[in-house]
């Protein structure tokens, strides 16, 4: 186990109720994965295995969170982290539950990176398809966009609840696409 004094400092600065919880989670993570190292990532303690995040710990005003890369939240769990808002030592996951999720993550790290399955381009709704057909510059831009950027436009349009809103969004989309802009162009670095 390689510890990081910054993690000790984080725990000491945390609320009094959170300190024993963070210490116990840290201790259990190291018992499950003795070769793990510690770091501070995104301002919170992280347990790192073979250079990859195994799990992260965080103390909030009224609860503690445990984050395991690639894991999903337990059914009904509220708040950030796989085990929801943990407000006392009694709320911590059992050693068996923690062992299970951390060992699964260790196996995933050992297996190496997995290829992401890219989503296919979205199905273009008929009203947008008609508007694109009427504007060659917009159609050219839309076709050149990545599937993600195409999906941004399609989702924005199909999420409209009223017919008038949907029509305005289609018109705005055609205008932006004619100018060669992706949907969230305002937020892109210049």
N, C-alpha and C. Protein backbone atom coordinates (compact mmCIF):
# COMPACT_ATOMS: atom_id res chain seq x y z
N UNK A 1 0.85 -1.18 0.00
CA UNK A 1 0.00 0.00 0.00
C UNK A 1 0.89 1.24 0.00
N UNK A 2 0.59 2.13 -0.91
CA UNK A 2 1.28 3.41 -0.94
C UNK A 2 0.27 4.47 -0.53
N UNK A 3 0.53 5.13 0.60
CA UNK A 3 -0.40 6.16 1.06
C UNK A 3 0.11 7.53 0.63
N UNK A 4 -0.80 8.47 0.64
CA UNK A 4 -0.51 9.83 0.23
C UNK A 4 -0.88 10.75 1.38
N UNK A 5 0.05 11.56 1.87
CA UNK A 5 -0.27 12.44 3.00
C UNK A 5 -1.41 13.42 2.69
N UNK A 6 -1.65 13.70 1.42
CA UNK A 6 -2.75 14.59 1.06
C UNK A 6 -4.10 13.94 1.39
N UNK A 7 -4.15 12.61 1.32
CA UNK A 7 -5.38 11.90 1.68
C UNK A 7 -5.61 12.02 3.19
N UNK A 8 -4.53 11.89 3.96
CA UNK A 8 -4.65 12.09 5.41
C UNK A 8 -5.19 13.48 5.71
N UNK A 9 -4.64 14.49 5.02
CA UNK A 9 -5.07 15.87 5.22
C UNK A 9 -6.55 16.05 4.84
N UNK A 10 -6.97 15.42 3.74
CA UNK A 10 -8.37 15.51 3.30
C UNK A 10 -9.28 14.94 4.39
N UNK A 11 -8.92 13.79 4.93
CA UNK A 11 -9.74 13.15 5.95
C UNK A 11 -9.80 14.03 7.19
N UNK A 12 -8.67 14.60 7.60
CA UNK A 12 -8.64 15.46 8.79
C UNK A 12 -9.49 16.72 8.62
N UNK A 13 -9.57 17.24 7.40
CA UNK A 13 -10.36 18.45 7.12
C UNK A 13 -11.85 18.15 6.98
N UNK A 14 -12.20 16.87 6.80
CA UNK A 14 -13.59 16.49 6.60
C UNK A 14 -14.39 16.64 7.89
N UNK A 15 -15.69 16.67 7.74
CA UNK A 15 -16.58 16.77 8.90
C UNK A 15 -16.32 15.60 9.84
N UNK A 16 -16.55 15.83 11.12
CA UNK A 16 -16.24 14.83 12.14
C UNK A 16 -16.95 13.50 11.88
N UNK A 17 -18.22 13.55 11.45
CA UNK A 17 -18.97 12.31 11.19
C UNK A 17 -18.35 11.51 10.05
N UNK A 18 -17.72 12.21 9.09
CA UNK A 18 -17.19 11.56 7.89
C UNK A 18 -15.84 10.89 8.11
N UNK A 19 -15.07 11.38 9.05
CA UNK A 19 -13.71 10.88 9.23
C UNK A 19 -13.62 9.38 9.47
N UNK A 20 -14.39 8.78 10.42
CA UNK A 20 -14.29 7.33 10.60
C UNK A 20 -14.76 6.55 9.37
N UNK A 21 -15.71 7.10 8.65
CA UNK A 21 -16.22 6.43 7.45
C UNK A 21 -15.14 6.40 6.37
N UNK A 22 -14.50 7.55 6.15
CA UNK A 22 -13.44 7.63 5.14
C UNK A 22 -12.28 6.72 5.51
N UNK A 23 -11.91 6.72 6.79
CA UNK A 23 -10.80 5.86 7.22
C UNK A 23 -11.12 4.38 6.99
N UNK A 24 -12.34 3.99 7.32
CA UNK A 24 -12.73 2.58 7.17
C UNK A 24 -12.77 2.19 5.68
N UNK A 25 -13.35 3.03 4.84
CA UNK A 25 -13.39 2.73 3.41
C UNK A 25 -11.98 2.64 2.83
N UNK A 26 -11.12 3.55 3.24
CA UNK A 26 -9.73 3.55 2.78
C UNK A 26 -9.03 2.27 3.21
N UNK A 27 -9.19 1.91 4.48
CA UNK A 27 -8.57 0.70 5.02
C UNK A 27 -9.06 -0.54 4.29
N UNK A 28 -10.37 -0.62 4.07
CA UNK A 28 -10.92 -1.79 3.38
C UNK A 28 -10.44 -1.87 1.93
N UNK A 29 -10.37 -0.73 1.25
CA UNK A 29 -9.90 -0.72 -0.14
C UNK A 29 -8.47 -1.24 -0.22
N UNK A 30 -7.64 -0.82 0.73
CA UNK A 30 -6.25 -1.28 0.74
C UNK A 30 -6.14 -2.75 1.12
N UNK A 31 -7.05 -3.24 1.97
CA UNK A 31 -7.04 -4.66 2.32
C UNK A 31 -7.44 -5.51 1.12
N UNK A 32 -8.37 -5.00 0.33
CA UNK A 32 -8.83 -5.72 -0.87
C UNK A 32 -7.78 -5.67 -1.96
N UNK A 33 -7.10 -4.54 -2.07
CA UNK A 33 -6.09 -4.35 -3.12
C UNK A 33 -4.81 -3.77 -2.48
N UNK A 34 -3.98 -4.64 -1.89
CA UNK A 34 -2.79 -4.16 -1.17
C UNK A 34 -1.80 -3.39 -2.04
N UNK A 35 -1.76 -3.65 -3.32
CA UNK A 35 -0.80 -2.95 -4.18
C UNK A 35 -1.31 -1.60 -4.69
N UNK A 36 -2.47 -1.18 -4.20
CA UNK A 36 -3.04 0.10 -4.62
C UNK A 36 -2.23 1.27 -4.08
N UNK A 37 -2.33 2.38 -4.79
CA UNK A 37 -1.69 3.62 -4.38
C UNK A 37 -2.78 4.66 -4.14
N UNK A 38 -2.41 5.73 -3.48
CA UNK A 38 -3.36 6.80 -3.23
C UNK A 38 -2.97 8.04 -4.00
N UNK A 39 -3.97 8.84 -4.28
CA UNK A 39 -3.75 10.11 -4.97
C UNK A 39 -4.92 11.03 -4.64
N UNK A 40 -4.77 12.27 -5.02
CA UNK A 40 -5.89 13.21 -4.96
C UNK A 40 -6.24 13.53 -6.41
N UNK A 41 -7.47 13.23 -6.77
CA UNK A 41 -7.95 13.50 -8.13
C UNK A 41 -9.28 14.22 -8.01
N UNK A 42 -9.42 15.29 -8.77
CA UNK A 42 -10.62 16.12 -8.73
C UNK A 42 -10.89 16.62 -7.32
N UNK A 43 -9.82 16.82 -6.54
CA UNK A 43 -9.94 17.35 -5.20
C UNK A 43 -10.37 16.34 -4.15
N UNK A 44 -10.44 15.05 -4.51
CA UNK A 44 -10.89 14.02 -3.59
C UNK A 44 -9.89 12.87 -3.57
N UNK A 45 -9.87 12.08 -2.48
CA UNK A 45 -8.98 10.92 -2.44
C UNK A 45 -9.37 9.89 -3.49
N UNK A 46 -8.36 9.32 -4.12
CA UNK A 46 -8.57 8.26 -5.10
C UNK A 46 -7.65 7.10 -4.77
N UNK A 47 -8.14 5.90 -4.92
CA UNK A 47 -7.33 4.70 -4.77
C UNK A 47 -7.04 4.25 -6.20
N UNK A 48 -5.77 4.12 -6.52
CA UNK A 48 -5.32 3.87 -7.90
C UNK A 48 -4.67 2.49 -7.97
N UNK A 49 -5.03 1.72 -8.99
CA UNK A 49 -4.48 0.39 -9.20
C UNK A 49 -3.92 0.33 -10.62
N UNK A 50 -2.64 0.04 -10.71
CA UNK A 50 -1.95 -0.04 -12.00
C UNK A 50 -2.17 1.21 -12.85
N UNK A 51 -2.15 2.35 -12.20
CA UNK A 51 -2.28 3.62 -12.89
C UNK A 51 -3.70 4.03 -13.25
N UNK A 52 -4.67 3.21 -12.91
CA UNK A 52 -6.08 3.49 -13.23
C UNK A 52 -6.87 3.66 -11.94
N UNK A 53 -7.90 4.48 -12.00
CA UNK A 53 -8.74 4.70 -10.82
C UNK A 53 -9.48 3.43 -10.44
N UNK A 54 -9.28 3.01 -9.21
CA UNK A 54 -10.02 1.87 -8.67
C UNK A 54 -11.29 2.41 -8.01
N UNK A 55 -11.12 3.39 -7.14
CA UNK A 55 -12.28 4.02 -6.51
C UNK A 55 -11.90 5.39 -5.98
N UNK A 56 -12.90 6.17 -5.66
CA UNK A 56 -12.69 7.49 -5.09
C UNK A 56 -13.58 7.66 -3.88
N UNK A 57 -13.13 8.51 -2.98
CA UNK A 57 -13.88 8.78 -1.76
C UNK A 57 -14.18 10.27 -1.70
N UNK A 58 -15.31 10.63 -1.14
CA UNK A 58 -15.63 12.04 -1.02
C UNK A 58 -16.48 12.28 0.21
N UNK A 59 -16.18 13.38 0.89
CA UNK A 59 -16.97 13.79 2.05
C UNK A 59 -17.75 15.04 1.65
N UNK A 60 -19.03 15.02 1.93
CA UNK A 60 -19.90 16.15 1.67
C UNK A 60 -20.39 16.69 3.01
N UNK A 61 -21.27 17.67 2.99
CA UNK A 61 -21.74 18.28 4.24
C UNK A 61 -22.44 17.27 5.15
N UNK A 62 -23.24 16.38 4.55
CA UNK A 62 -24.04 15.48 5.38
C UNK A 62 -23.88 14.01 5.04
N UNK A 63 -22.98 13.69 4.12
CA UNK A 63 -22.79 12.29 3.77
C UNK A 63 -21.42 12.06 3.13
N UNK A 64 -21.12 10.78 2.92
CA UNK A 64 -19.88 10.36 2.26
C UNK A 64 -20.28 9.60 1.02
N UNK A 65 -19.46 9.72 -0.04
CA UNK A 65 -19.69 8.98 -1.27
C UNK A 65 -18.51 8.11 -1.61
N UNK A 66 -18.78 6.97 -2.22
CA UNK A 66 -17.76 6.05 -2.70
C UNK A 66 -18.03 5.85 -4.19
N UNK A 67 -17.01 6.09 -5.01
CA UNK A 67 -17.17 6.01 -6.46
C UNK A 67 -16.27 4.91 -7.00
N UNK A 68 -16.84 3.97 -7.72
CA UNK A 68 -16.06 2.91 -8.35
C UNK A 68 -16.22 3.07 -9.85
N UNK A 69 -15.11 3.24 -10.54
CA UNK A 69 -15.13 3.45 -11.99
C UNK A 69 -15.90 2.33 -12.67
N UNK A 70 -16.85 2.71 -13.51
CA UNK A 70 -17.59 1.73 -14.31
C UNK A 70 -18.75 1.08 -13.58
N UNK A 71 -18.92 1.35 -12.31
CA UNK A 71 -20.00 0.72 -11.56
C UNK A 71 -21.26 1.55 -11.64
N UNK A 72 -22.37 0.91 -11.36
CA UNK A 72 -23.65 1.60 -11.35
C UNK A 72 -24.19 1.62 -9.94
N UNK A 73 -25.00 2.59 -9.68
CA UNK A 73 -25.59 2.79 -8.36
C UNK A 73 -26.52 1.63 -8.01
N UNK A 74 -26.51 1.25 -6.72
CA UNK A 74 -27.44 0.23 -6.24
C UNK A 74 -28.87 0.74 -6.43
N UNK A 75 -29.81 -0.16 -6.62
CA UNK A 75 -31.21 0.23 -6.79
C UNK A 75 -31.68 1.07 -5.61
N UNK A 76 -32.28 2.20 -5.92
CA UNK A 76 -32.83 3.07 -4.90
C UNK A 76 -31.82 3.96 -4.19
N UNK A 77 -30.52 3.83 -4.52
CA UNK A 77 -29.51 4.64 -3.84
C UNK A 77 -29.60 6.08 -4.32
N UNK A 78 -29.55 7.01 -3.37
CA UNK A 78 -29.61 8.43 -3.67
C UNK A 78 -28.23 9.04 -3.59
N UNK A 79 -27.98 10.09 -4.33
CA UNK A 79 -26.72 10.81 -4.20
C UNK A 79 -25.63 10.24 -5.09
N UNK A 80 -24.47 10.86 -4.98
CA UNK A 80 -23.35 10.46 -5.81
C UNK A 80 -22.72 9.19 -5.25
N UNK A 81 -22.18 8.36 -6.14
CA UNK A 81 -21.50 7.15 -5.71
C UNK A 81 -22.40 5.93 -5.82
N UNK A 82 -21.76 4.78 -5.91
CA UNK A 82 -22.48 3.53 -6.13
C UNK A 82 -23.35 3.10 -4.97
N UNK A 83 -23.01 3.53 -3.76
CA UNK A 83 -23.76 3.09 -2.59
C UNK A 83 -24.62 4.21 -1.99
N UNK A 84 -24.80 5.26 -2.76
CA UNK A 84 -25.66 6.35 -2.34
C UNK A 84 -25.06 7.18 -1.22
N UNK A 85 -25.92 7.93 -0.54
CA UNK A 85 -25.48 8.80 0.55
C UNK A 85 -25.27 7.96 1.81
N UNK A 86 -24.03 7.91 2.25
CA UNK A 86 -23.70 7.17 3.47
C UNK A 86 -23.51 8.21 4.58
N UNK A 87 -24.38 8.16 5.57
CA UNK A 87 -24.38 9.18 6.62
C UNK A 87 -23.73 8.72 7.92
N UNK A 88 -23.51 7.40 8.05
CA UNK A 88 -22.87 6.87 9.26
C UNK A 88 -22.13 5.60 8.89
N UNK A 89 -21.31 5.12 9.81
CA UNK A 89 -20.54 3.89 9.57
C UNK A 89 -21.51 2.74 9.27
N UNK A 90 -22.69 2.76 9.85
CA UNK A 90 -23.69 1.70 9.60
C UNK A 90 -24.17 1.68 8.15
N UNK A 91 -24.05 2.82 7.46
CA UNK A 91 -24.49 2.90 6.06
C UNK A 91 -23.43 2.39 5.07
N UNK A 92 -22.21 2.16 5.54
CA UNK A 92 -21.15 1.72 4.63
C UNK A 92 -21.49 0.37 4.03
N UNK A 93 -20.99 0.10 2.82
CA UNK A 93 -21.27 -1.21 2.22
C UNK A 93 -20.60 -2.31 3.04
N UNK A 94 -21.16 -3.49 2.96
CA UNK A 94 -20.55 -4.62 3.66
C UNK A 94 -19.19 -4.90 3.02
N UNK A 95 -18.35 -5.58 3.76
CA UNK A 95 -17.03 -5.92 3.22
C UNK A 95 -17.19 -6.78 1.96
N UNK A 96 -18.18 -7.66 1.97
CA UNK A 96 -18.41 -8.53 0.80
C UNK A 96 -18.83 -7.70 -0.42
N UNK A 97 -19.72 -6.72 -0.21
CA UNK A 97 -20.19 -5.89 -1.33
C UNK A 97 -19.05 -5.04 -1.88
N UNK A 98 -18.25 -4.46 -0.98
CA UNK A 98 -17.12 -3.65 -1.42
C UNK A 98 -16.08 -4.51 -2.13
N UNK A 99 -15.81 -5.69 -1.58
CA UNK A 99 -14.85 -6.61 -2.20
C UNK A 99 -15.30 -6.97 -3.61
N UNK A 100 -16.58 -7.24 -3.77
CA UNK A 100 -17.11 -7.64 -5.08
C UNK A 100 -16.88 -6.54 -6.12
N UNK A 101 -17.28 -5.30 -5.80
CA UNK A 101 -17.16 -4.24 -6.81
C UNK A 101 -15.70 -3.87 -7.08
N UNK A 102 -14.87 -3.87 -6.05
CA UNK A 102 -13.46 -3.52 -6.27
C UNK A 102 -12.72 -4.61 -7.03
N UNK A 103 -13.02 -5.85 -6.74
CA UNK A 103 -12.36 -6.95 -7.49
C UNK A 103 -12.79 -6.95 -8.95
N UNK A 104 -14.06 -6.64 -9.21
CA UNK A 104 -14.53 -6.54 -10.61
C UNK A 104 -13.79 -5.42 -11.33
N UNK A 105 -13.61 -4.30 -10.64
CA UNK A 105 -12.87 -3.18 -11.25
C UNK A 105 -11.41 -3.55 -11.46
N UNK A 106 -10.80 -4.27 -10.52
CA UNK A 106 -9.42 -4.70 -10.68
C UNK A 106 -9.27 -5.61 -11.90
N UNK A 107 -10.22 -6.53 -12.07
CA UNK A 107 -10.19 -7.42 -13.24
C UNK A 107 -10.31 -6.61 -14.53
N UNK A 108 -11.16 -5.60 -14.53
CA UNK A 108 -11.32 -4.76 -15.72
C UNK A 108 -10.03 -4.01 -16.03
N UNK A 109 -9.36 -3.53 -15.00
CA UNK A 109 -8.08 -2.83 -15.20
C UNK A 109 -7.05 -3.81 -15.74
N UNK A 110 -7.00 -5.00 -15.17
CA UNK A 110 -6.04 -6.01 -15.62
C UNK A 110 -6.30 -6.44 -17.06
N UNK A 111 -7.56 -6.45 -17.47
CA UNK A 111 -7.91 -6.87 -18.83
C UNK A 111 -7.50 -5.83 -19.86
N UNK A 112 -7.25 -4.61 -19.40
CA UNK A 112 -6.84 -3.57 -20.33
C UNK A 112 -8.03 -2.80 -20.85
N UNK A 113 -7.73 -1.79 -21.66
CA UNK A 113 -8.81 -0.94 -22.16
C UNK A 113 -9.76 -1.70 -23.06
N UNK A 114 -11.00 -1.32 -22.97
CA UNK A 114 -12.01 -1.91 -23.85
C UNK A 114 -12.36 -0.88 -24.91
N UNK A 115 -12.73 -1.39 -26.04
CA UNK A 115 -13.12 -0.47 -27.12
C UNK A 115 -14.53 0.01 -26.86
N UNK A 116 -14.70 1.28 -27.03
CA UNK A 116 -16.03 1.85 -26.89
C UNK A 116 -16.86 1.51 -28.11
N UNK A 117 -18.08 1.16 -27.87
CA UNK A 117 -19.00 0.90 -28.97
C UNK A 117 -19.66 2.24 -29.29
N UNK A 118 -19.42 2.71 -30.47
CA UNK A 118 -19.99 3.99 -30.88
C UNK A 118 -21.44 3.81 -31.28
N UNK A 119 -22.24 4.75 -30.86
CA UNK A 119 -23.65 4.72 -31.24
C UNK A 119 -23.77 5.10 -32.71
N UNK A 120 -24.69 4.48 -33.40
CA UNK A 120 -24.88 4.84 -34.81
C UNK A 120 -25.50 6.23 -34.92
N UNK A 121 -25.43 6.82 -36.10
CA UNK A 121 -26.10 8.13 -36.28
C UNK A 121 -27.58 8.00 -35.93
N UNK A 122 -28.18 9.09 -35.49
CA UNK A 122 -29.59 9.03 -35.09
C UNK A 122 -30.51 8.92 -36.30
N UNK A 123 -31.71 8.46 -36.03
CA UNK A 123 -32.73 8.44 -37.07
C UNK A 123 -33.29 9.86 -37.15
N UNK A 124 -33.23 10.44 -38.33
CA UNK A 124 -33.65 11.82 -38.52
C UNK A 124 -35.17 11.85 -38.65
N UNK A 125 -35.86 12.64 -37.80
CA UNK A 125 -37.31 12.70 -37.90
C UNK A 125 -37.75 13.31 -39.24
N UNK A 126 -38.91 12.92 -39.74
CA UNK A 126 -39.36 13.38 -41.06
C UNK A 126 -39.38 14.90 -41.24
N UNK A 127 -39.81 15.65 -40.21
CA UNK A 127 -39.88 17.10 -40.38
C UNK A 127 -38.48 17.73 -40.49
N UNK A 128 -37.52 17.19 -39.78
CA UNK A 128 -36.14 17.68 -39.90
C UNK A 128 -35.56 17.26 -41.25
N UNK A 129 -35.85 16.03 -41.66
CA UNK A 129 -35.35 15.54 -42.96
C UNK A 129 -35.87 16.43 -44.09
N UNK A 130 -37.14 16.83 -44.01
CA UNK A 130 -37.74 17.69 -45.03
C UNK A 130 -37.03 19.05 -45.06
N UNK A 131 -36.76 19.61 -43.87
CA UNK A 131 -36.09 20.92 -43.79
C UNK A 131 -34.66 20.82 -44.31
N UNK A 132 -33.98 19.72 -44.02
CA UNK A 132 -32.61 19.53 -44.51
C UNK A 132 -32.59 19.39 -46.03
N UNK A 133 -33.60 18.70 -46.56
CA UNK A 133 -33.69 18.52 -48.00
C UNK A 133 -33.87 19.86 -48.72
N UNK A 134 -34.54 20.80 -48.04
CA UNK A 134 -34.80 22.12 -48.63
C UNK A 134 -33.58 23.05 -48.53
N UNK A 135 -32.59 22.69 -47.72
CA UNK A 135 -31.40 23.54 -47.55
C UNK A 135 -30.14 22.71 -47.75
N UNK A 136 -29.56 22.86 -48.95
CA UNK A 136 -28.37 22.07 -49.26
C UNK A 136 -27.20 22.37 -48.30
N UNK A 137 -26.91 23.65 -47.96
CA UNK A 137 -25.81 23.91 -47.03
C UNK A 137 -26.03 23.25 -45.65
N UNK A 138 -27.28 23.31 -45.16
CA UNK A 138 -27.58 22.69 -43.87
C UNK A 138 -27.43 21.18 -43.95
N UNK A 139 -27.92 20.59 -45.03
CA UNK A 139 -27.83 19.14 -45.21
C UNK A 139 -26.38 18.70 -45.30
N UNK A 140 -25.55 19.47 -46.00
CA UNK A 140 -24.14 19.13 -46.14
C UNK A 140 -23.44 19.16 -44.78
N UNK A 141 -23.72 20.20 -44.01
CA UNK A 141 -23.12 20.31 -42.67
C UNK A 141 -23.59 19.17 -41.78
N UNK A 142 -24.91 18.91 -41.78
CA UNK A 142 -25.46 17.86 -40.93
C UNK A 142 -24.83 16.51 -41.26
N UNK A 143 -24.69 16.22 -42.53
CA UNK A 143 -24.11 14.95 -42.96
C UNK A 143 -22.65 14.83 -42.53
N UNK A 144 -21.93 15.96 -42.49
CA UNK A 144 -20.51 15.95 -42.13
C UNK A 144 -20.29 15.88 -40.62
N UNK A 145 -21.33 16.16 -39.83
CA UNK A 145 -21.19 16.12 -38.37
C UNK A 145 -21.00 14.69 -37.86
N UNK A 146 -20.37 14.57 -36.70
CA UNK A 146 -20.26 13.26 -36.06
C UNK A 146 -21.65 12.79 -35.63
N UNK A 147 -21.77 11.51 -35.37
CA UNK A 147 -23.06 10.98 -34.91
C UNK A 147 -23.49 11.66 -33.62
N UNK A 148 -22.54 11.97 -32.76
CA UNK A 148 -22.86 12.64 -31.50
C UNK A 148 -23.45 14.02 -31.75
N UNK A 149 -22.84 14.78 -32.65
CA UNK A 149 -23.35 16.12 -32.95
C UNK A 149 -24.69 16.05 -33.69
N UNK A 150 -24.86 15.07 -34.54
CA UNK A 150 -26.17 14.89 -35.19
C UNK A 150 -27.23 14.58 -34.13
N UNK A 151 -26.86 13.71 -33.19
CA UNK A 151 -27.79 13.33 -32.12
C UNK A 151 -28.16 14.55 -31.27
N UNK A 152 -27.21 15.48 -31.06
CA UNK A 152 -27.52 16.70 -30.31
C UNK A 152 -28.67 17.46 -30.96
N UNK A 153 -28.60 17.63 -32.27
CA UNK A 153 -29.67 18.34 -32.98
C UNK A 153 -30.98 17.56 -32.91
N UNK A 154 -30.93 16.27 -33.22
CA UNK A 154 -32.15 15.47 -33.25
C UNK A 154 -32.81 15.45 -31.87
N UNK A 155 -32.02 15.24 -30.82
CA UNK A 155 -32.59 15.20 -29.47
C UNK A 155 -33.21 16.55 -29.08
N UNK A 156 -32.52 17.62 -29.41
CA UNK A 156 -33.02 18.95 -29.08
C UNK A 156 -34.38 19.18 -29.74
N UNK A 157 -34.51 18.76 -30.97
CA UNK A 157 -35.77 18.94 -31.71
C UNK A 157 -36.86 18.02 -31.17
N UNK A 158 -36.53 16.75 -30.97
CA UNK A 158 -37.56 15.79 -30.55
C UNK A 158 -37.98 15.95 -29.09
N UNK A 159 -37.18 16.65 -28.29
CA UNK A 159 -37.56 16.89 -26.90
C UNK A 159 -38.60 17.99 -26.75
N UNK A 160 -38.84 18.76 -27.81
CA UNK A 160 -39.83 19.84 -27.75
C UNK A 160 -41.21 19.24 -27.50
N UNK A 161 -41.94 19.84 -26.58
CA UNK A 161 -43.25 19.31 -26.22
C UNK A 161 -44.38 19.90 -27.07
N UNK A 162 -44.15 21.09 -27.59
CA UNK A 162 -45.20 21.73 -28.39
C UNK A 162 -44.77 21.81 -29.84
N UNK A 163 -45.75 21.76 -30.72
CA UNK A 163 -45.50 21.80 -32.16
C UNK A 163 -44.77 23.09 -32.55
N UNK A 164 -45.19 24.20 -31.95
CA UNK A 164 -44.56 25.49 -32.28
C UNK A 164 -43.08 25.51 -31.86
N UNK A 165 -42.80 24.96 -30.70
CA UNK A 165 -41.41 24.91 -30.22
C UNK A 165 -40.57 24.05 -31.15
N UNK A 166 -41.12 22.93 -31.54
CA UNK A 166 -40.40 22.02 -32.44
C UNK A 166 -40.10 22.73 -33.76
N UNK A 167 -41.08 23.45 -34.31
CA UNK A 167 -40.89 24.17 -35.57
C UNK A 167 -39.81 25.24 -35.43
N UNK A 168 -39.83 25.97 -34.30
CA UNK A 168 -38.78 26.99 -34.06
C UNK A 168 -37.40 26.35 -33.97
N UNK A 169 -37.33 25.22 -33.31
CA UNK A 169 -36.03 24.54 -33.17
C UNK A 169 -35.52 24.02 -34.50
N UNK A 170 -36.42 23.55 -35.34
CA UNK A 170 -36.00 23.09 -36.68
C UNK A 170 -35.48 24.28 -37.48
N UNK A 171 -36.20 25.39 -37.43
CA UNK A 171 -35.76 26.58 -38.16
C UNK A 171 -34.40 27.07 -37.65
N UNK A 172 -34.22 27.08 -36.33
CA UNK A 172 -32.94 27.50 -35.75
C UNK A 172 -31.84 26.52 -36.15
N UNK A 173 -32.14 25.24 -36.16
CA UNK A 173 -31.16 24.23 -36.55
C UNK A 173 -30.71 24.43 -37.99
N UNK A 174 -31.65 24.67 -38.87
CA UNK A 174 -31.31 24.88 -40.28
C UNK A 174 -30.43 26.11 -40.43
N UNK A 175 -30.73 27.16 -39.67
CA UNK A 175 -29.92 28.38 -39.73
C UNK A 175 -28.48 28.09 -39.27
N UNK A 176 -28.35 27.44 -38.11
CA UNK A 176 -27.01 27.14 -37.60
C UNK A 176 -26.26 26.17 -38.51
N UNK A 177 -26.95 25.16 -38.99
CA UNK A 177 -26.30 24.20 -39.88
C UNK A 177 -25.86 24.86 -41.18
N UNK A 178 -26.65 25.78 -41.71
CA UNK A 178 -26.28 26.51 -42.93
C UNK A 178 -25.01 27.33 -42.71
N UNK A 179 -24.79 27.74 -41.45
CA UNK A 179 -23.58 28.49 -41.10
C UNK A 179 -22.43 27.56 -40.72
N UNK A 180 -22.67 26.23 -40.81
CA UNK A 180 -21.63 25.26 -40.50
C UNK A 180 -21.41 25.00 -39.02
N UNK A 181 -22.43 25.27 -38.21
CA UNK A 181 -22.27 25.19 -36.76
C UNK A 181 -22.89 23.91 -36.18
N UNK A 182 -22.17 23.27 -35.22
CA UNK A 182 -22.81 22.19 -34.48
C UNK A 182 -23.81 22.78 -33.49
N UNK A 183 -24.63 21.97 -32.91
CA UNK A 183 -25.70 22.43 -32.02
C UNK A 183 -25.18 23.29 -30.87
N UNK A 184 -24.12 22.89 -30.21
CA UNK A 184 -23.61 23.63 -29.05
C UNK A 184 -22.41 24.49 -29.41
N UNK A 185 -22.46 25.12 -30.55
CA UNK A 185 -21.34 25.92 -31.05
C UNK A 185 -20.97 27.07 -30.11
N UNK A 186 -21.95 27.57 -29.36
CA UNK A 186 -21.69 28.71 -28.47
C UNK A 186 -20.67 28.37 -27.39
N UNK A 187 -20.57 27.09 -27.04
CA UNK A 187 -19.73 26.67 -25.93
C UNK A 187 -18.37 26.14 -26.37
N UNK A 188 -18.12 26.19 -27.64
CA UNK A 188 -16.84 25.69 -28.17
C UNK A 188 -15.76 26.75 -28.03
N UNK A 189 -14.53 26.30 -27.82
CA UNK A 189 -13.41 27.24 -27.75
C UNK A 189 -13.16 27.82 -29.12
N UNK A 190 -12.80 29.08 -29.12
CA UNK A 190 -12.58 29.76 -30.41
C UNK A 190 -11.15 29.63 -30.85
